Amino acid sequence: MTLAVRLAADTLAASPAADWRVPAGSLLWDCWETVEHLSDDLFSYAVQLGPRTPSTRAGVPYRWAPEREGGPWNAVFADPEAGTAGLLQTLEASGALLAAMVRTASPALRSFHSYGASDPEGFAAMGVVETLVHTHDVAAGLSLSWAPPADLCDRVLARLFPDAPDDADRWTVLLWSTGRADLPGRERVTSWRWHGAPSAP
């Protein structure tokens, strides 16, 4: 988790772009909104691990709302006055919060996710996937190069996409699994979800 966020923040910080209100790849959100959404994802996964008795039926009831019609439903927003450096600070802070919660939560804990209750390892893997693919989206919008380590991709594929092909480049397979790339010999994914349930003992 920590490595994924660090690599993402360093890559995005290198952008010379002054305007982050350009579309983030194929998303309907702009680059600024997409990083806010990513920060919010990491925050929301972290807080699911916080209550003494987490719910497996509903998320922690923060107030989530979009700032504009069609924008992401977030509880976390960056102060525009802080610029892109401040935006990336929210990303690092949310990533650190999730990493800390995963380290300290009991592996036996189960908490709500819309795709099914998960454990700390699952929430960490979800955070890594969100970080890798949304950095891909933002990097496309800002004309940056982004290719995370294969072993990081491989670990989250094994945890969240156990049926994903194992005979192709791991980053390409992760992008394909999340509807962002083509994979030779296979139909493009147009609807997807990960398998967040904990592994059977």
C-alpha atoms as a PDB file:
ATOM      1  CA  MET A   1       0.000   0.000   0.000  1.00  0.00           C
ATOM      2  CA  THR A   2       2.685   2.457   1.043  1.00  0.00           C
ATOM      3  CA  LEU A   3       4.798   1.718  -2.029  1.00  0.00           C
ATOM      4  CA  ALA A   4       1.869   2.109  -4.417  1.00  0.00           C
ATOM      5  CA  VAL A   5       0.903   5.510  -3.010  1.00  0.00           C
ATOM      6  CA  ARG A   6       4.498   6.710  -2.889  1.00  0.00           C
ATOM      7  CA  LEU A   7       5.096   5.774  -6.524  1.00  0.00           C
ATOM      8  CA  ALA A   8       1.819   7.357  -7.582  1.00  0.00           C
ATOM      9  CA  ALA A   9       2.473  10.618  -5.743  1.00  0.00           C
ATOM     10  CA  ASP A  10       6.026  10.873  -7.105  1.00  0.00           C
ATOM     11  CA  THR A  11       4.836  10.233 -10.658  1.00  0.00           C
ATOM     12  CA  LEU A  12       2.026  12.775 -10.494  1.00  0.00           C
ATOM     13  CA  ALA A  13       4.183  15.371  -8.747  1.00  0.00           C
ATOM     14  CA  ALA A  14       6.497  15.333 -11.778  1.00  0.00           C
ATOM     15  CA  SER A  15       3.751  16.693 -14.039  1.00  0.00           C
ATOM     16  CA  PRO A  16       4.509  20.139 -15.447  1.00  0.00           C
ATOM     17  CA  ALA A  17       0.800  20.656 -16.184  1.00  0.00           C
ATOM     18  CA  ALA A  18      -0.753  23.733 -14.630  1.00  0.00           C
ATOM     19  CA  ASP A  19      -4.308  22.609 -15.399  1.00  0.00           C
ATOM     20  CA  TRP A  20      -5.477  19.399 -13.716  1.00  0.00           C
ATOM     21  CA  ARG A  21      -9.075  20.039 -14.741  1.00  0.00           C
ATOM     22  CA  VAL A  22      -8.552  18.038 -17.935  1.00  0.00           C
ATOM     23  CA  PRO A  23     -10.239  14.623 -18.376  1.00  0.00           C
ATOM     24  CA  ALA A  24      -8.551  11.730 -16.578  1.00  0.00           C
ATOM     25  CA  GLY A  25      -8.095   9.216 -19.374  1.00  0.00           C
ATOM     26  CA  SER A  26     -11.439   7.662 -20.318  1.00  0.00           C
ATOM     27  CA  LEU A  27     -13.181   8.755 -17.096  1.00  0.00           C
ATOM     28  CA  LEU A  28     -15.918  11.371 -16.883  1.00  0.00           C
ATOM     29  CA  TRP A  29     -13.984  13.050 -14.058  1.00  0.00           C
ATOM     30  CA  ASP A  30     -11.070  15.434 -14.453  1.00  0.00           C
ATOM     31  CA  CYS A  31      -7.602  14.719 -13.090  1.00  0.00           C
ATOM     32  CA  TRP A  32      -8.115  16.771  -9.927  1.00  0.00           C
ATOM     33  CA  GLU A  33     -11.411  15.030  -9.133  1.00  0.00           C
ATOM     34  CA  THR A  34      -9.889  11.618  -9.797  1.00  0.00           C
ATOM     35  CA  VAL A  35      -7.078  12.168  -7.291  1.00  0.00           C
ATOM     36  CA  GLU A  36      -9.653  13.431  -4.788  1.00  0.00           C
ATOM     37  CA  HIS A  37     -11.693  10.288  -5.438  1.00  0.00           C
ATOM     38  CA  LEU A  38      -8.601   8.139  -4.907  1.00  0.00           C
ATOM     39  CA  SER A  39      -7.811   9.930  -1.634  1.00  0.00           C
ATOM     40  CA  ASP A  40     -11.411   9.367  -0.609  1.00  0.00           C
ATOM     41  CA  ASP A  41     -11.250   5.651  -1.513  1.00  0.00           C
ATOM     42  CA  LEU A  42      -8.195   5.126   0.671  1.00  0.00           C
ATOM     43  CA  PHE A  43      -9.768   7.084   3.510  1.00  0.00           C
ATOM     44  CA  SER A  44     -13.044   5.163   3.256  1.00  0.00           C
ATOM     45  CA  TYR A  45     -11.270   1.781   3.312  1.00  0.00           C
ATOM     46  CA  ALA A  46      -9.249   2.869   6.347  1.00  0.00           C
ATOM     47  CA  VAL A  47     -12.255   3.979   8.367  1.00  0.00           C
ATOM     48  CA  GLN A  48     -14.059   0.704   7.679  1.00  0.00           C
ATOM     49  CA  LEU A  49     -11.365  -0.922   9.812  1.00  0.00           C
ATOM     50  CA  GLY A  50     -11.721   1.533  12.700  1.00  0.00           C
ATOM     51  CA  PRO A  51     -14.897   0.752  14.686  1.00  0.00           C
ATOM     52  CA  ARG A  52     -14.655  -1.756  17.536  1.00  0.00           C
ATOM     53  CA  THR A  53     -17.522  -3.670  15.968  1.00  0.00           C
ATOM     54  CA  PRO A  54     -17.474  -2.947  12.211  1.00  0.00           C
ATOM     55  CA  SER A  55     -20.680  -3.367  10.265  1.00  0.00           C
ATOM     56  CA  THR A  56     -20.711  -5.869   7.430  1.00  0.00           C
ATOM     57  CA  ARG A  57     -23.938  -4.353   6.087  1.00  0.00           C
ATOM     58  CA  ALA A  58     -23.147  -0.650   5.686  1.00  0.00           C
ATOM     59  CA  GLY A  59     -20.231   1.732   5.509  1.00  0.00           C
ATOM     60  CA  VAL A  60     -19.220   4.122   8.271  1.00  0.00           C
ATOM     61  CA  PRO A  61     -21.822   6.910   7.941  1.00  0.00           C
ATOM     62  CA  TYR A  62     -19.728   9.869   6.902  1.00  0.00           C
ATOM     63  CA  ARG A  63     -21.479  12.329   4.626  1.00  0.00           C
ATOM     64  CA  TRP A  64     -20.553  11.568   1.027  1.00  0.00           C
ATOM     65  CA  ALA A  65     -21.638  13.974  -1.711  1.00  0.00           C
ATOM     66  CA  PRO A  66     -20.413  15.274  -5.069  1.00  0.00           C
ATOM     67  CA  GLU A  67     -19.235  18.841  -5.558  1.00  0.00           C
ATOM     68  CA  ARG A  68     -20.898  18.950  -8.965  1.00  0.00           C
ATOM     69  CA  GLU A  69     -23.406  16.884 -10.879  1.00  0.00           C
ATOM     70  CA  GLY A  70     -21.567  13.887 -12.273  1.00  0.00           C
ATOM     71  CA  GLY A  71     -18.615  14.312  -9.935  1.00  0.00           C
ATOM     72  CA  PRO A  72     -17.382  11.650  -7.492  1.00  0.00           C
ATOM     73  CA  TRP A  73     -19.247  11.144  -4.219  1.00  0.00           C
ATOM     74  CA  ASN A  74     -16.558  11.934  -1.645  1.00  0.00           C
ATOM     75  CA  ALA A  75     -16.204  12.731   2.021  1.00  0.00           C
ATOM     76  CA  VAL A  76     -12.627  13.922   1.344  1.00  0.00           C
ATOM     77  CA  PHE A  77     -11.924  16.993  -0.788  1.00  0.00           C
ATOM     78  CA  ALA A  78      -8.670  18.905  -1.219  1.00  0.00           C
ATOM     79  CA  ASP A  79      -8.515  22.669  -0.707  1.00  0.00           C
ATOM     80  CA  PRO A  80      -8.044  24.162  -4.202  1.00  0.00           C
ATOM     81  CA  GLU A  81      -6.005  26.978  -2.639  1.00  0.00           C
ATOM     82  CA  ALA A  82      -3.312  24.410  -1.731  1.00  0.00           C
ATOM     83  CA  GLY A  83      -2.752  23.561  -5.400  1.00  0.00           C
ATOM     84  CA  THR A  84      -1.667  20.206  -6.752  1.00  0.00           C
ATOM     85  CA  ALA A  85       0.948  19.817  -4.002  1.00  0.00           C
ATOM     86  CA  GLY A  86      -1.868  19.967  -1.450  1.00  0.00           C
ATOM     87  CA  LEU A  87      -3.958  17.568  -3.509  1.00  0.00           C
ATOM     88  CA  LEU A  88      -1.121  15.027  -3.502  1.00  0.00           C
ATOM     89  CA  GLN A  89      -0.692  15.568   0.226  1.00  0.00           C
ATOM     90  CA  THR A  90      -4.279  14.375   0.732  1.00  0.00           C
ATOM     91  CA  LEU A  91      -3.427  11.280  -1.306  1.00  0.00           C
ATOM     92  CA  GLU A  92      -0.355  10.482   0.783  1.00  0.00           C
ATOM     93  CA  ALA A  93      -2.193  11.133   4.048  1.00  0.00           C
ATOM     94  CA  SER A  94      -5.117   8.873   3.118  1.00  0.00           C
ATOM     95  CA  GLY A  95      -2.711   6.173   1.951  1.00  0.00           C
ATOM     96  CA  ALA A  96      -0.776   6.351   5.207  1.00  0.00           C
ATOM     97  CA  LEU A  97      -4.012   6.134   7.180  1.00  0.00           C
ATOM     98  CA  LEU A  98      -5.062   2.965   5.337  1.00  0.00           C
ATOM     99  CA  ALA A  99      -1.603   1.406   5.711  1.00  0.00           C
ATOM    100  CA  ALA A 100      -1.628   2.090   9.453  1.00  0.00           C
ATOM    101  CA  MET A 101      -5.120   0.680   9.923  1.00  0.00           C
ATOM    102  CA  VAL A 102      -4.240  -2.479   7.986  1.00  0.00           C
ATOM    103  CA  ARG A 103      -1.124  -2.987  10.137  1.00  0.00           C
ATOM    104  CA  THR A 104      -3.010  -2.621  13.422  1.00  0.00           C
ATOM    105  CA  ALA A 105      -6.368  -4.265  12.650  1.00  0.00           C
ATOM    106  CA  SER A 106      -6.953  -7.885  13.557  1.00  0.00           C
ATOM    107  CA  PRO A 107      -6.712 -10.190  10.514  1.00  0.00           C
ATOM    108  CA  ALA A 108      -9.985 -11.709  11.748  1.00  0.00           C
ATOM    109  CA  LEU A 109     -11.849  -8.413  11.327  1.00  0.00           C
ATOM    110  CA  ARG A 110     -14.568  -8.245   8.670  1.00  0.00           C
ATOM    111  CA  SER A 111     -16.120  -5.019   7.473  1.00  0.00           C
ATOM    112  CA  PHE A 112     -18.504  -3.745   4.828  1.00  0.00           C
ATOM    113  CA  HIS A 113     -17.718  -3.249   1.179  1.00  0.00           C
ATOM    114  CA  SER A 114     -20.339  -2.964  -1.546  1.00  0.00           C
ATOM    115  CA  TYR A 115     -18.829  -6.021  -3.263  1.00  0.00           C
ATOM    116  CA  GLY A 116     -19.029  -8.047  -0.046  1.00  0.00           C
ATOM    117  CA  ALA A 117     -17.470  -7.965   3.415  1.00  0.00           C
ATOM    118  CA  SER A 118     -13.678  -8.047   3.431  1.00  0.00           C
ATOM    119  CA  ASP A 119     -10.694  -8.246   5.770  1.00  0.00           C
ATOM    120  CA  PRO A 120      -7.746  -5.870   6.294  1.00  0.00           C
ATOM    121  CA  GLU A 121      -5.674  -7.623   3.633  1.00  0.00           C
ATOM    122  CA  GLY A 122      -8.551  -7.240   1.196  1.00  0.00           C
ATOM    123  CA  PHE A 123      -8.942  -3.528   1.924  1.00  0.00           C
ATOM    124  CA  ALA A 124      -5.197  -3.058   1.437  1.00  0.00           C
ATOM    125  CA  ALA A 125      -5.388  -4.821  -1.921  1.00  0.00           C
ATOM    126  CA  MET A 126      -8.384  -2.700  -2.923  1.00  0.00           C
ATOM    127  CA  GLY A 127      -6.422   0.417  -2.028  1.00  0.00           C
ATOM    128  CA  VAL A 128      -3.512  -0.718  -4.174  1.00  0.00           C
ATOM    129  CA  VAL A 129      -5.776  -1.418  -7.164  1.00  0.00           C
ATOM    130  CA  GLU A 130      -7.497   1.957  -6.786  1.00  0.00           C
ATOM    131  CA  THR A 131      -4.101   3.663  -6.590  1.00  0.00           C
ATOM    132  CA  LEU A 132      -2.602   1.899  -9.590  1.00  0.00           C
ATOM    133  CA  VAL A 133      -5.530   2.237 -11.975  1.00  0.00           C
ATOM    134  CA  HIS A 134      -6.550   5.774 -11.033  1.00  0.00           C
ATOM    135  CA  THR A 135      -2.939   6.908 -11.347  1.00  0.00           C
ATOM    136  CA  HIS A 136      -3.108   5.359 -14.819  1.00  0.00           C
ATOM    137  CA  ASP A 137      -6.205   7.475 -15.549  1.00  0.00           C
ATOM    138  CA  VAL A 138      -4.632  10.694 -14.287  1.00  0.00           C
ATOM    139  CA  ALA A 139      -1.290   9.984 -15.965  1.00  0.00           C
ATOM    140  CA  ALA A 140      -3.115   9.568 -19.281  1.00  0.00           C
ATOM    141  CA  GLY A 141      -4.801  12.932 -18.803  1.00  0.00           C
ATOM    142  CA  LEU A 142      -1.517  14.642 -17.906  1.00  0.00           C
ATOM    143  CA  SER A 143       0.560  12.833 -20.579  1.00  0.00           C
ATOM    144  CA  LEU A 144       2.750  11.087 -17.990  1.00  0.00           C
ATOM    145  CA  SER A 145       4.335   7.655 -18.205  1.00  0.00           C
ATOM    146  CA  TRP A 146       3.109   5.222 -15.538  1.00  0.00           C
ATOM    147  CA  ALA A 147       3.909   1.525 -15.159  1.00  0.00           C
ATOM    148  CA  PRO A 148       3.911   0.094 -11.621  1.00  0.00           C
ATOM    149  CA  PRO A 149       6.069  -2.895 -10.609  1.00  0.00           C
ATOM    150  CA  ALA A 150       4.884  -6.257 -11.933  1.00  0.00           C
ATOM    151  CA  ASP A 151       5.068  -7.922  -8.518  1.00  0.00           C
ATOM    152  CA  LEU A 152       2.715  -5.313  -7.031  1.00  0.00           C
ATOM    153  CA  CYS A 153       0.232  -5.975  -9.827  1.00  0.00           C
ATOM    154  CA  ASP A 154       0.654  -9.717  -9.425  1.00  0.00           C
ATOM    155  CA  ARG A 155      -0.136  -9.645  -5.705  1.00  0.00           C
ATOM    156  CA  VAL A 156      -3.383  -7.723  -6.095  1.00  0.00           C
ATOM    157  CA  LEU A 157      -4.429  -9.805  -9.091  1.00  0.00           C
ATOM    158  CA  ALA A 158      -3.977 -12.943  -6.992  1.00  0.00           C
ATOM    159  CA  ARG A 159      -5.985 -11.450  -4.109  1.00  0.00           C
ATOM    160  CA  LEU A 160      -8.813  -9.662  -5.919  1.00  0.00           C
ATOM    161  CA  PHE A 161      -8.923 -11.129  -9.438  1.00  0.00           C
ATOM    162  CA  PRO A 162      -8.098 -14.817  -8.905  1.00  0.00           C
ATOM    163  CA  ASP A 163      -9.516 -15.794 -12.312  1.00  0.00           C
ATOM    164  CA  ALA A 164      -7.414 -13.270 -14.243  1.00  0.00           C
ATOM    165  CA  PRO A 165      -5.137 -14.654 -16.975  1.00  0.00           C
ATOM    166  CA  ASP A 166      -1.674 -15.569 -15.727  1.00  0.00           C
ATOM    167  CA  ASP A 167       0.041 -15.757 -19.106  1.00  0.00           C
ATOM    168  CA  ALA A 168       0.414 -12.052 -19.902  1.00  0.00           C
ATOM    169  CA  ASP A 169       2.102  -8.907 -18.592  1.00  0.00           C
ATOM    170  CA  ARG A 170       0.758  -8.322 -15.084  1.00  0.00           C
ATOM    171  CA  TRP A 171       0.125  -4.589 -15.464  1.00  0.00           C
ATOM    172  CA  THR A 172      -1.703  -5.123 -18.742  1.00  0.00           C
ATOM    173  CA  VAL A 173      -3.780  -7.859 -17.122  1.00  0.00           C
ATOM    174  CA  LEU A 174      -4.710  -5.540 -14.234  1.00  0.00           C
ATOM    175  CA  LEU A 175      -5.715  -2.815 -16.681  1.00  0.00           C
ATOM    176  CA  TRP A 176      -7.712  -5.369 -18.682  1.00  0.00           C
ATOM    177  CA  SER A 177      -9.368  -6.682 -15.508  1.00  0.00           C
ATOM    178  CA  THR A 178     -10.557  -3.159 -14.685  1.00  0.00           C
ATOM    179  CA  GLY A 179     -11.797  -2.383 -18.189  1.00  0.00           C
ATOM    180  CA  ARG A 180      -8.902  -0.163 -19.203  1.00  0.00           C
ATOM    181  CA  ALA A 181      -6.960  -2.195 -21.774  1.00  0.00           C
ATOM    182  CA  ASP A 182      -7.251  -4.862 -24.430  1.00  0.00           C
ATOM    183  CA  LEU A 183      -5.732  -8.302 -24.018  1.00  0.00           C
ATOM    184  CA  PRO A 184      -4.978 -10.267 -27.190  1.00  0.00           C
ATOM    185  CA  GLY A 185      -7.298 -13.228 -27.650  1.00  0.00           C
ATOM    186  CA  ARG A 186      -9.779 -12.040 -25.033  1.00  0.00           C
ATOM    187  CA  GLU A 187     -12.866  -9.860 -25.136  1.00  0.00           C
ATOM    188  CA  ARG A 188     -12.549  -6.426 -23.608  1.00  0.00           C
ATOM    189  CA  VAL A 189     -13.946  -6.163 -20.088  1.00  0.00           C
ATOM    190  CA  THR A 190     -16.882  -3.746 -19.974  1.00  0.00           C
ATOM    191  CA  SER A 191     -18.257  -4.565 -16.517  1.00  0.00           C
ATOM    192  CA  TRP A 192     -16.070  -5.720 -13.659  1.00  0.00           C
ATOM    193  CA  ARG A 193     -15.804  -6.179  -9.917  1.00  0.00           C
ATOM    194  CA  TRP A 194     -13.154  -7.664  -7.709  1.00  0.00           C
ATOM    195  CA  HIS A 195     -13.418 -10.593  -5.319  1.00  0.00           C
ATOM    196  CA  GLY A 196     -12.911  -8.980  -1.929  1.00  0.00           C
ATOM    197  CA  ALA A 197     -14.026 -11.865   0.274  1.00  0.00           C
ATOM    198  CA  PRO A 198     -11.259 -13.253   2.494  1.00  0.00           C
ATOM    199  CA  SER A 199      -9.594 -16.465   1.439  1.00  0.00           C
ATOM    200  CA  ALA A 200     -10.939 -19.594   3.092  1.00  0.00           C
ATOM    201  CA  PRO A 201      -8.734 -20.792   6.007  1.00  0.00           C
END
